[in-house]
Amino acid sequence: MGYDIIEELNTNKSSMANVIINVEAAGNVYLVFTNPDRSKSSYMLILLDLAGASDENNISGYMVHLKANMGDGHCPHSTTLDTQTWDCLRQNVAIIHVGNLRESHYLTNPAIVPP
């Protein structure tokens, strides 16, 4: 499954700047909870800050969100992969820093991110 997701990321139509803004922060990976105070409308996503664009006020990067299609009648439910560039005020979400993609090819070749 992992390679299928990478292939889908590579063919995604979202675009990201191919300039690294902050080398120390580039490659950070976050687990983000939207609407953390409202459980019914809350969801989780993974955010890859490939360019180090997040700062003390904003979190931004490439969002990866796997959606369960709850009304599809399947057991288990089918899923849809949603990927896009994403930017949000840090105060509006709950954030857990997961780690860093130290070996990310983006850090040495930003042109590989989808145009």
Protein backbone atom coordinates (compact mmCIF):
# COMPACT_ATOMS: atom_id res chain seq x y z
CA MET A 1 0.00 0.00 0.00
CA GLY A 2 2.82 2.44 0.79
CA TYR A 3 4.09 2.61 -2.79
CA ASP A 4 0.55 3.21 -4.11
CA ILE A 5 0.23 6.23 -1.83
CA ILE A 6 3.58 7.61 -2.96
CA GLU A 7 2.53 7.18 -6.59
CA GLU A 8 -0.74 9.02 -5.90
CA LEU A 9 1.18 11.83 -4.19
CA ASN A 10 3.42 12.11 -7.23
CA THR A 11 0.46 12.47 -9.60
CA ASN A 12 -1.50 14.89 -7.42
CA LYS A 13 -2.46 18.18 -8.99
CA SER A 14 -1.64 20.31 -5.92
CA SER A 15 1.40 22.49 -6.17
CA MET A 16 3.97 23.51 -3.60
CA ALA A 17 6.74 26.02 -3.76
CA ASN A 18 9.98 24.24 -4.53
CA VAL A 19 12.04 26.60 -2.37
CA ILE A 20 13.06 25.60 1.14
CA ILE A 21 12.14 28.43 3.52
CA ASN A 22 13.68 27.09 6.75
CA VAL A 23 16.22 24.27 6.41
CA GLU A 24 16.01 23.31 10.12
CA ALA A 25 12.22 22.91 9.94
CA ALA A 26 12.07 21.34 6.48
CA GLY A 27 10.81 17.77 6.58
CA ASN A 28 8.90 18.04 9.86
CA VAL A 29 5.89 15.72 10.10
CA TYR A 30 2.85 16.60 12.19
CA LEU A 31 -0.34 14.84 13.20
CA VAL A 32 -3.04 17.54 13.14
CA PHE A 33 -6.47 17.39 14.77
CA THR A 34 -8.95 19.85 13.27
CA ASN A 35 -11.84 21.10 15.43
CA PRO A 36 -10.28 19.42 18.51
CA ASP A 37 -13.09 20.61 20.79
CA ARG A 38 -15.92 19.17 18.65
CA SER A 39 -15.56 15.40 18.33
CA LYS A 40 -18.28 14.91 15.69
CA SER A 41 -16.70 17.29 13.18
CA SER A 42 -13.10 16.66 14.16
CA TYR A 43 -10.69 14.71 11.97
CA MET A 44 -6.99 13.91 11.80
CA LEU A 45 -4.53 14.50 9.02
CA ILE A 46 -0.82 14.17 8.46
CA LEU A 47 1.03 17.32 7.48
CA LEU A 48 4.44 17.17 5.80
CA ASP A 49 6.20 20.51 6.10
CA LEU A 50 8.55 19.83 3.20
CA ALA A 51 9.71 23.42 2.78
CA GLY A 52 9.96 24.37 6.45
CA ALA A 53 7.22 26.96 5.91
CA SER A 54 5.55 26.57 9.32
CA ASP A 55 6.29 29.21 11.93
CA GLU A 56 5.15 30.08 15.46
CA ASN A 57 1.73 31.27 14.21
CA ASN A 58 0.96 29.09 11.19
CA ILE A 59 1.40 25.48 10.22
CA SER A 60 1.65 24.71 6.54
CA GLY A 61 2.78 22.02 4.17
CA TYR A 62 1.47 19.07 2.22
CA MET A 63 -1.64 17.51 3.79
CA VAL A 64 -2.36 13.79 3.57
CA HIS A 65 -5.80 12.71 4.75
CA LEU A 66 -7.27 9.22 4.42
CA LYS A 67 -11.07 9.40 4.41
CA ALA A 68 -13.31 6.46 5.28
CA ASN A 69 -16.34 6.36 3.00
CA MET A 70 -18.84 5.62 5.74
CA GLY A 71 -21.93 5.37 3.54
CA ASP A 72 -20.54 3.01 0.90
CA GLY A 73 -22.15 -0.16 2.28
CA HIS A 74 -18.83 -2.01 2.38
CA CYS A 75 -17.31 -3.71 5.38
CA PRO A 76 -14.65 -2.54 5.93
CA HIS A 77 -15.45 0.83 4.38
CA SER A 78 -13.57 1.91 1.30
CA THR A 79 -11.16 4.80 1.67
CA THR A 80 -10.19 7.84 -0.35
CA LEU A 81 -6.78 9.52 -0.19
CA ASP A 82 -6.98 13.31 -0.14
CA THR A 83 -3.77 15.29 -0.65
CA GLN A 84 -3.30 19.02 -1.08
CA THR A 85 -1.30 21.96 0.14
CA TRP A 86 -2.59 23.15 3.49
CA ASP A 87 -2.13 26.18 5.73
CA CYS A 88 -3.78 26.93 9.07
CA LEU A 89 -3.37 29.06 12.19
CA ARG A 90 -1.80 26.92 14.91
CA GLN A 91 -4.34 28.19 17.46
CA ASN A 92 -7.20 26.58 15.48
CA VAL A 93 -5.86 23.01 15.59
CA ALA A 94 -4.20 20.55 17.96
CA ILE A 95 -0.75 19.52 16.73
CA ILE A 96 1.57 16.64 17.60
CA HIS A 97 5.08 16.75 16.13
CA VAL A 98 5.73 13.19 14.92
CA GLY A 99 9.26 13.51 13.61
CA ASN A 100 11.36 14.63 10.66
CA LEU A 101 11.99 13.17 7.22
CA ARG A 102 15.76 13.41 7.60
CA GLU A 103 16.40 11.43 4.44
CA SER A 104 13.79 13.28 2.37
CA HIS A 105 14.82 13.66 -1.25
CA TYR A 106 12.95 16.98 -1.23
CA LEU A 107 15.67 18.46 0.93
CA THR A 108 18.23 17.85 -1.83
CA ASN A 109 15.93 18.15 -4.86
CA PRO A 110 12.82 20.32 -4.33
CA ALA A 111 11.81 19.83 -7.96
CA ILE A 112 10.44 16.33 -7.17
CA VAL A 113 7.35 17.75 -5.42
CA PRO A 114 4.33 17.67 -7.78
CA PRO A 115 4.17 20.83 -9.96
